[in-house]
Amino acid sequence: MDLKRIQWKDVLKDFKMTYEGSIGADPATTIDFALPQEWKDQNVVQLGFAYKASEPLTVRWGVNVGSTVIPDQYINPLFPAIMKDHYTFGIGYEFSKTSELNLGFAYAPQNCGTNEQGVTSCVGGQSTQIMYSAKF
């Protein structure tokens, strides 16, 4: 189990970007802009379990519970960092002391928010990982 207090508020006020390139006949165009973020501090709880089902087989479960750090009015579809919770599952199989295969799956339920302009952004999804390790 892991408990975290991430102090985003002190580090993410604005997301600043610069575009350098050409627009039309103007070969040297630079555009600077900032997306206000005003992130909030975040508490995160992480809990994970590993169970050795047999000598070569390990089964793993995990959960990551957090909160959305961007206030709704600042959500931008270009930078929708509003994911909250994650659930994970994995298995590992040790062929020998020097060879193992691990499979993992992560799922994040969809989370949505609507900004001041009425634009709704939703983020969520799943990912899969396959990893073979050779130790020598």
N, C-alpha and C. Protein backbone atom coordinates (compact mmCIF):
# COMPACT_ATOMS: atom_id res chain seq x y z
N MET A 1 0.85 -1.18 0.00
CA MET A 1 0.00 0.00 0.00
C MET A 1 0.89 1.24 0.00
N ASP A 2 0.45 2.23 -0.74
CA ASP A 2 1.20 3.47 -0.83
C ASP A 2 0.21 4.63 -0.77
N LEU A 3 0.50 5.61 0.06
CA LEU A 3 -0.30 6.84 0.14
C LEU A 3 0.58 7.99 -0.31
N LYS A 4 0.06 8.81 -1.22
CA LYS A 4 0.85 9.93 -1.74
C LYS A 4 0.06 11.23 -1.64
N ARG A 5 0.77 12.29 -1.40
CA ARG A 5 0.22 13.64 -1.50
C ARG A 5 1.08 14.35 -2.53
N ILE A 6 0.52 14.57 -3.73
CA ILE A 6 1.28 15.19 -4.83
C ILE A 6 0.90 16.67 -4.88
N GLN A 7 1.88 17.52 -4.75
CA GLN A 7 1.63 18.96 -4.67
C GLN A 7 1.72 19.61 -6.05
N TRP A 8 0.72 19.30 -6.87
CA TRP A 8 0.65 19.84 -8.23
C TRP A 8 0.45 21.35 -8.22
N LYS A 9 -0.28 21.85 -7.23
CA LYS A 9 -0.67 23.26 -7.20
C LYS A 9 0.53 24.21 -7.34
N ASP A 10 1.67 23.81 -6.80
CA ASP A 10 2.85 24.67 -6.84
C ASP A 10 3.60 24.61 -8.17
N VAL A 11 3.31 23.63 -9.02
CA VAL A 11 4.12 23.46 -10.23
C VAL A 11 3.34 23.57 -11.54
N LEU A 12 2.02 23.46 -11.54
CA LEU A 12 1.27 23.53 -12.79
C LEU A 12 0.19 24.60 -12.76
N LYS A 13 0.62 25.82 -13.01
CA LYS A 13 -0.32 26.94 -13.13
C LYS A 13 -0.79 27.07 -14.58
N ASP A 14 0.17 27.00 -15.51
CA ASP A 14 -0.10 27.12 -16.94
C ASP A 14 0.69 26.07 -17.70
N PHE A 15 0.12 25.61 -18.82
CA PHE A 15 0.84 24.74 -19.74
C PHE A 15 1.24 25.63 -20.90
N LYS A 16 2.54 25.96 -21.00
CA LYS A 16 3.02 26.92 -21.99
C LYS A 16 3.58 26.18 -23.20
N MET A 17 3.24 26.71 -24.38
CA MET A 17 3.69 26.10 -25.64
C MET A 17 4.17 27.18 -26.59
N THR A 18 5.13 26.79 -27.44
CA THR A 18 5.65 27.69 -28.48
C THR A 18 5.62 26.94 -29.80
N TYR A 19 5.10 27.60 -30.82
CA TYR A 19 5.09 27.05 -32.18
C TYR A 19 6.02 27.90 -33.01
N GLU A 20 7.01 27.25 -33.63
CA GLU A 20 7.91 27.94 -34.53
C GLU A 20 7.81 27.29 -35.90
N GLY A 21 7.63 28.08 -36.90
CA GLY A 21 7.49 27.54 -38.25
C GLY A 21 7.10 28.63 -39.21
N SER A 22 6.45 28.23 -40.28
CA SER A 22 6.04 29.22 -41.27
C SER A 22 4.54 29.12 -41.49
N ILE A 23 3.94 30.27 -41.67
CA ILE A 23 2.52 30.35 -41.99
C ILE A 23 2.42 31.15 -43.28
N GLY A 24 1.95 30.52 -44.33
CA GLY A 24 1.84 31.19 -45.62
C GLY A 24 3.20 31.62 -46.14
N ALA A 25 3.31 32.90 -46.53
CA ALA A 25 4.56 33.42 -47.10
C ALA A 25 5.55 33.84 -46.02
N ASP A 26 5.11 33.93 -44.77
CA ASP A 26 5.99 34.34 -43.67
C ASP A 26 6.81 33.14 -43.19
N PRO A 27 8.12 33.09 -43.48
CA PRO A 27 8.92 31.91 -43.16
C PRO A 27 9.31 31.80 -41.69
N ALA A 28 9.23 32.87 -40.93
CA ALA A 28 9.69 32.82 -39.54
C ALA A 28 8.58 33.28 -38.59
N THR A 29 7.65 32.41 -38.34
CA THR A 29 6.53 32.73 -37.48
C THR A 29 6.70 32.02 -36.14
N THR A 30 6.54 32.75 -35.05
CA THR A 30 6.57 32.16 -33.71
C THR A 30 5.29 32.54 -33.00
N ILE A 31 4.63 31.55 -32.45
CA ILE A 31 3.40 31.78 -31.69
C ILE A 31 3.60 31.19 -30.30
N ASP A 32 3.44 32.01 -29.28
CA ASP A 32 3.50 31.57 -27.89
C ASP A 32 2.10 31.63 -27.30
N PHE A 33 1.73 30.60 -26.56
CA PHE A 33 0.45 30.65 -25.85
C PHE A 33 0.51 29.76 -24.62
N ALA A 34 -0.43 29.96 -23.74
CA ALA A 34 -0.49 29.19 -22.50
C ALA A 34 -1.92 28.72 -22.27
N LEU A 35 -2.04 27.48 -21.82
CA LEU A 35 -3.34 26.94 -21.42
C LEU A 35 -3.39 26.98 -19.91
N PRO A 36 -4.29 27.77 -19.32
CA PRO A 36 -4.36 27.80 -17.86
C PRO A 36 -4.73 26.42 -17.32
N GLN A 37 -4.06 26.00 -16.29
CA GLN A 37 -4.32 24.68 -15.69
C GLN A 37 -4.80 24.80 -14.24
N GLU A 38 -4.08 25.57 -13.44
CA GLU A 38 -4.44 25.76 -12.03
C GLU A 38 -4.71 24.42 -11.34
N TRP A 39 -3.78 23.47 -11.53
CA TRP A 39 -3.95 22.14 -10.95
C TRP A 39 -4.07 22.21 -9.43
N LYS A 40 -4.81 21.28 -8.88
CA LYS A 40 -4.99 21.16 -7.44
C LYS A 40 -4.03 20.09 -6.91
N ASP A 41 -3.75 20.14 -5.62
CA ASP A 41 -2.98 19.06 -4.99
C ASP A 41 -3.81 17.79 -5.01
N GLN A 42 -3.16 16.66 -4.93
CA GLN A 42 -3.85 15.38 -5.12
C GLN A 42 -3.41 14.36 -4.07
N ASN A 43 -4.39 13.66 -3.52
CA ASN A 43 -4.13 12.50 -2.68
C ASN A 43 -4.34 11.26 -3.54
N VAL A 44 -3.40 10.31 -3.45
CA VAL A 44 -3.48 9.08 -4.23
C VAL A 44 -3.27 7.90 -3.30
N VAL A 45 -4.14 6.92 -3.42
CA VAL A 45 -4.00 5.67 -2.67
C VAL A 45 -3.72 4.56 -3.68
N GLN A 46 -2.65 3.81 -3.45
CA GLN A 46 -2.30 2.69 -4.32
C GLN A 46 -2.24 1.43 -3.46
N LEU A 47 -2.84 0.38 -3.96
CA LEU A 47 -2.87 -0.89 -3.23
C LEU A 47 -2.60 -2.01 -4.21
N GLY A 48 -1.68 -2.89 -3.88
CA GLY A 48 -1.33 -3.98 -4.78
C GLY A 48 -1.12 -5.27 -4.02
N PHE A 49 -1.42 -6.37 -4.68
CA PHE A 49 -1.26 -7.70 -4.11
C PHE A 49 -0.55 -8.59 -5.11
N ALA A 50 0.30 -9.47 -4.60
CA ALA A 50 0.92 -10.51 -5.42
C ALA A 50 0.73 -11.83 -4.69
N TYR A 51 0.28 -12.84 -5.42
CA TYR A 51 0.04 -14.16 -4.84
C TYR A 51 0.82 -15.20 -5.63
N LYS A 52 1.67 -15.93 -4.95
CA LYS A 52 2.47 -17.00 -5.57
C LYS A 52 1.58 -18.24 -5.63
N ALA A 53 0.90 -18.44 -6.75
CA ALA A 53 -0.05 -19.54 -6.90
C ALA A 53 0.65 -20.89 -6.95
N SER A 54 1.85 -20.93 -7.51
CA SER A 54 2.67 -22.14 -7.55
C SER A 54 4.12 -21.68 -7.71
N GLU A 55 5.04 -22.60 -7.72
CA GLU A 55 6.46 -22.21 -7.83
C GLU A 55 6.75 -21.33 -9.04
N PRO A 56 6.23 -21.64 -10.22
CA PRO A 56 6.56 -20.76 -11.35
C PRO A 56 5.56 -19.61 -11.58
N LEU A 57 4.36 -19.66 -10.96
CA LEU A 57 3.27 -18.73 -11.32
C LEU A 57 2.96 -17.74 -10.21
N THR A 58 2.98 -16.43 -10.56
CA THR A 58 2.59 -15.36 -9.64
C THR A 58 1.44 -14.59 -10.27
N VAL A 59 0.41 -14.30 -9.48
CA VAL A 59 -0.75 -13.53 -9.94
C VAL A 59 -0.74 -12.20 -9.18
N ARG A 60 -1.04 -11.10 -9.89
CA ARG A 60 -0.98 -9.76 -9.28
C ARG A 60 -2.27 -8.97 -9.55
N TRP A 61 -2.68 -8.17 -8.56
CA TRP A 61 -3.82 -7.26 -8.69
C TRP A 61 -3.41 -5.91 -8.13
N GLY A 62 -4.01 -4.85 -8.63
CA GLY A 62 -3.70 -3.54 -8.09
C GLY A 62 -4.80 -2.54 -8.37
N VAL A 63 -4.81 -1.49 -7.55
CA VAL A 63 -5.76 -0.40 -7.74
C VAL A 63 -5.04 0.91 -7.39
N ASN A 64 -5.33 1.94 -8.15
CA ASN A 64 -4.78 3.28 -7.94
C ASN A 64 -5.99 4.22 -7.90
N VAL A 65 -6.24 4.84 -6.76
CA VAL A 65 -7.41 5.72 -6.60
C VAL A 65 -6.92 7.14 -6.36
N GLY A 66 -7.34 8.04 -7.21
CA GLY A 66 -6.94 9.44 -7.08
C GLY A 66 -8.11 10.35 -7.36
N SER A 67 -7.82 11.61 -7.58
CA SER A 67 -8.85 12.59 -7.90
C SER A 67 -8.39 13.38 -9.11
N THR A 68 -9.33 14.01 -9.78
CA THR A 68 -9.00 14.85 -10.92
C THR A 68 -8.32 16.11 -10.40
N VAL A 69 -7.19 16.48 -11.02
CA VAL A 69 -6.43 17.62 -10.51
C VAL A 69 -6.70 18.92 -11.25
N ILE A 70 -7.31 18.86 -12.44
CA ILE A 70 -7.61 20.07 -13.19
C ILE A 70 -9.06 20.48 -12.90
N PRO A 71 -9.28 21.71 -12.42
CA PRO A 71 -10.65 22.18 -12.25
C PRO A 71 -11.39 22.14 -13.59
N ASP A 72 -12.67 21.78 -13.56
CA ASP A 72 -13.44 21.63 -14.79
C ASP A 72 -13.32 22.81 -15.75
N GLN A 73 -13.33 24.04 -15.22
CA GLN A 73 -13.32 25.21 -16.12
C GLN A 73 -12.06 25.30 -16.97
N TYR A 74 -10.96 24.59 -16.58
CA TYR A 74 -9.71 24.66 -17.33
C TYR A 74 -9.44 23.43 -18.19
N ILE A 75 -10.35 22.48 -18.24
CA ILE A 75 -10.14 21.28 -19.04
C ILE A 75 -10.04 21.66 -20.51
N ASN A 76 -9.01 21.14 -21.16
CA ASN A 76 -8.79 21.43 -22.57
C ASN A 76 -8.64 20.11 -23.31
N PRO A 77 -9.34 19.92 -24.44
CA PRO A 77 -9.23 18.66 -25.18
C PRO A 77 -7.81 18.34 -25.65
N LEU A 78 -6.93 19.36 -25.75
CA LEU A 78 -5.55 19.11 -26.14
C LEU A 78 -4.71 18.55 -24.99
N PHE A 79 -5.19 18.71 -23.77
CA PHE A 79 -4.44 18.31 -22.58
C PHE A 79 -5.41 17.86 -21.49
N PRO A 80 -6.19 16.81 -21.74
CA PRO A 80 -7.24 16.40 -20.80
C PRO A 80 -6.72 15.44 -19.71
N ALA A 81 -5.89 15.92 -18.82
CA ALA A 81 -5.31 15.07 -17.77
C ALA A 81 -6.30 14.90 -16.62
N ILE A 82 -7.42 14.24 -16.90
CA ILE A 82 -8.49 14.13 -15.90
C ILE A 82 -8.77 12.68 -15.49
N MET A 83 -7.86 11.79 -15.80
CA MET A 83 -8.03 10.40 -15.40
C MET A 83 -7.92 10.30 -13.88
N LYS A 84 -8.70 9.40 -13.27
CA LYS A 84 -8.70 9.30 -11.81
C LYS A 84 -8.21 7.93 -11.34
N ASP A 85 -8.93 6.90 -11.61
CA ASP A 85 -8.65 5.59 -11.03
C ASP A 85 -8.11 4.62 -12.08
N HIS A 86 -7.32 3.65 -11.62
CA HIS A 86 -6.76 2.60 -12.48
C HIS A 86 -6.88 1.28 -11.76
N TYR A 87 -7.17 0.24 -12.50
CA TYR A 87 -7.23 -1.12 -11.95
C TYR A 87 -6.29 -1.99 -12.79
N THR A 88 -5.51 -2.83 -12.13
CA THR A 88 -4.53 -3.63 -12.85
C THR A 88 -4.62 -5.10 -12.48
N PHE A 89 -4.17 -5.93 -13.42
CA PHE A 89 -4.12 -7.38 -13.22
C PHE A 89 -2.90 -7.88 -13.98
N GLY A 90 -2.21 -8.84 -13.42
CA GLY A 90 -1.06 -9.38 -14.13
C GLY A 90 -0.73 -10.79 -13.68
N ILE A 91 -0.01 -11.50 -14.52
CA ILE A 91 0.50 -12.83 -14.18
C ILE A 91 1.95 -12.91 -14.61
N GLY A 92 2.70 -13.65 -13.86
CA GLY A 92 4.10 -13.87 -14.20
C GLY A 92 4.40 -15.35 -14.14
N TYR A 93 5.15 -15.82 -15.11
CA TYR A 93 5.51 -17.24 -15.15
C TYR A 93 7.03 -17.33 -15.27
N GLU A 94 7.66 -17.98 -14.29
CA GLU A 94 9.10 -18.13 -14.26
C GLU A 94 9.47 -19.49 -14.85
N PHE A 95 10.05 -19.47 -16.04
CA PHE A 95 10.47 -20.71 -16.69
C PHE A 95 11.67 -21.32 -15.99
N SER A 96 12.56 -20.43 -15.52
CA SER A 96 13.76 -20.85 -14.79
C SER A 96 14.22 -19.65 -13.98
N LYS A 97 15.31 -19.76 -13.27
CA LYS A 97 15.84 -18.63 -12.49
C LYS A 97 16.34 -17.51 -13.39
N THR A 98 16.51 -17.80 -14.68
CA THR A 98 17.04 -16.79 -15.61
C THR A 98 16.06 -16.39 -16.71
N SER A 99 14.83 -16.90 -16.67
CA SER A 99 13.89 -16.65 -17.76
C SER A 99 12.46 -16.57 -17.22
N GLU A 100 11.78 -15.45 -17.54
CA GLU A 100 10.39 -15.32 -17.11
C GLU A 100 9.57 -14.49 -18.09
N LEU A 101 8.26 -14.72 -18.08
CA LEU A 101 7.31 -14.00 -18.91
C LEU A 101 6.29 -13.35 -18.00
N ASN A 102 6.02 -12.05 -18.21
CA ASN A 102 5.02 -11.33 -17.43
C ASN A 102 4.00 -10.70 -18.37
N LEU A 103 2.74 -10.80 -18.01
CA LEU A 103 1.64 -10.21 -18.76
C LEU A 103 0.90 -9.27 -17.82
N GLY A 104 0.53 -8.10 -18.30
CA GLY A 104 -0.19 -7.14 -17.47
C GLY A 104 -1.31 -6.47 -18.24
N PHE A 105 -2.34 -6.09 -17.50
CA PHE A 105 -3.49 -5.39 -18.07
C PHE A 105 -3.88 -4.27 -17.11
N ALA A 106 -4.08 -3.07 -17.64
CA ALA A 106 -4.52 -1.92 -16.84
C ALA A 106 -5.79 -1.35 -17.45
N TYR A 107 -6.73 -0.99 -16.59
CA TYR A 107 -8.00 -0.42 -17.04
C TYR A 107 -8.26 0.86 -16.26
N ALA A 108 -8.58 1.93 -16.96
CA ALA A 108 -8.96 3.20 -16.34
C ALA A 108 -10.37 3.55 -16.80
N PRO A 109 -11.34 3.55 -15.89
CA PRO A 109 -12.71 3.91 -16.28
C PRO A 109 -12.76 5.33 -16.85
N GLN A 110 -13.66 5.55 -17.76
CA GLN A 110 -13.79 6.86 -18.40
C GLN A 110 -14.18 7.92 -17.37
N ASN A 111 -13.52 9.06 -17.44
CA ASN A 111 -13.85 10.21 -16.61
C ASN A 111 -14.04 11.40 -17.54
N CYS A 112 -15.10 12.17 -17.31
CA CYS A 112 -15.42 13.30 -18.19
C CYS A 112 -15.49 14.60 -17.38
N GLY A 113 -15.22 15.70 -18.07
CA GLY A 113 -15.37 17.02 -17.48
C GLY A 113 -15.74 18.00 -18.57
N THR A 114 -16.44 19.08 -18.19
CA THR A 114 -16.88 20.10 -19.13
C THR A 114 -16.29 21.44 -18.72
N ASN A 115 -15.63 22.13 -19.68
CA ASN A 115 -14.99 23.40 -19.36
C ASN A 115 -15.98 24.57 -19.46
N GLU A 116 -15.47 25.78 -19.24
CA GLU A 116 -16.31 26.98 -19.25
C GLU A 116 -16.98 27.25 -20.59
N GLN A 117 -16.37 26.77 -21.69
CA GLN A 117 -16.93 26.98 -23.02
C GLN A 117 -17.95 25.90 -23.39
N GLY A 118 -18.21 24.96 -22.48
CA GLY A 118 -19.17 23.90 -22.74
C GLY A 118 -18.59 22.71 -23.49
N VAL A 119 -17.26 22.64 -23.63
CA VAL A 119 -16.62 21.53 -24.31
C VAL A 119 -16.38 20.41 -23.31
N THR A 120 -16.89 19.21 -23.62
CA THR A 120 -16.72 18.07 -22.74
C THR A 120 -15.57 17.19 -23.25
N SER A 121 -14.67 16.84 -22.35
CA SER A 121 -13.56 15.94 -22.66
C SER A 121 -13.70 14.70 -21.78
N CYS A 122 -13.44 13.55 -22.38
CA CYS A 122 -13.50 12.28 -21.65
C CYS A 122 -12.19 11.52 -21.88
N VAL A 123 -11.70 10.92 -20.83
CA VAL A 123 -10.46 10.14 -20.90
C VAL A 123 -10.66 8.84 -20.13
N GLY A 124 -10.16 7.77 -20.70
CA GLY A 124 -10.20 6.45 -20.06
C GLY A 124 -9.61 5.46 -21.05
N GLY A 125 -9.53 4.22 -20.64
CA GLY A 125 -9.03 3.23 -21.59
C GLY A 125 -8.36 2.06 -20.90
N GLN A 126 -7.68 1.28 -21.72
CA GLN A 126 -6.98 0.11 -21.20
C GLN A 126 -5.67 -0.06 -21.94
N SER A 127 -4.75 -0.77 -21.29
CA SER A 127 -3.48 -1.08 -21.93
C SER A 127 -3.05 -2.48 -21.52
N THR A 128 -2.27 -3.08 -22.39
CA THR A 128 -1.77 -4.44 -22.16
C THR A 128 -0.25 -4.42 -22.32
N GLN A 129 0.42 -5.19 -21.49
CA GLN A 129 1.87 -5.27 -21.56
C GLN A 129 2.30 -6.73 -21.56
N ILE A 130 3.23 -7.06 -22.43
CA ILE A 130 3.85 -8.39 -22.46
C ILE A 130 5.35 -8.17 -22.35
N MET A 131 5.95 -8.84 -21.36
CA MET A 131 7.38 -8.64 -21.14
C MET A 131 8.08 -9.98 -20.89
N TYR A 132 9.11 -10.23 -21.66
CA TYR A 132 9.95 -11.41 -21.44
C TYR A 132 11.28 -10.92 -20.87
N SER A 133 11.74 -11.57 -19.80
CA SER A 133 13.00 -11.18 -19.17
C SER A 133 13.97 -12.34 -19.18
N ALA A 134 15.21 -12.06 -19.59
CA ALA A 134 16.30 -13.03 -19.52
C ALA A 134 17.35 -12.46 -18.59
N LYS A 135 17.67 -13.16 -17.53
CA LYS A 135 18.66 -12.69 -16.55
C LYS A 135 19.96 -13.45 -16.74
N PHE A 136 21.05 -12.74 -16.77
CA PHE A 136 22.36 -13.41 -16.90
C PHE A 136 23.42 -12.63 -16.18
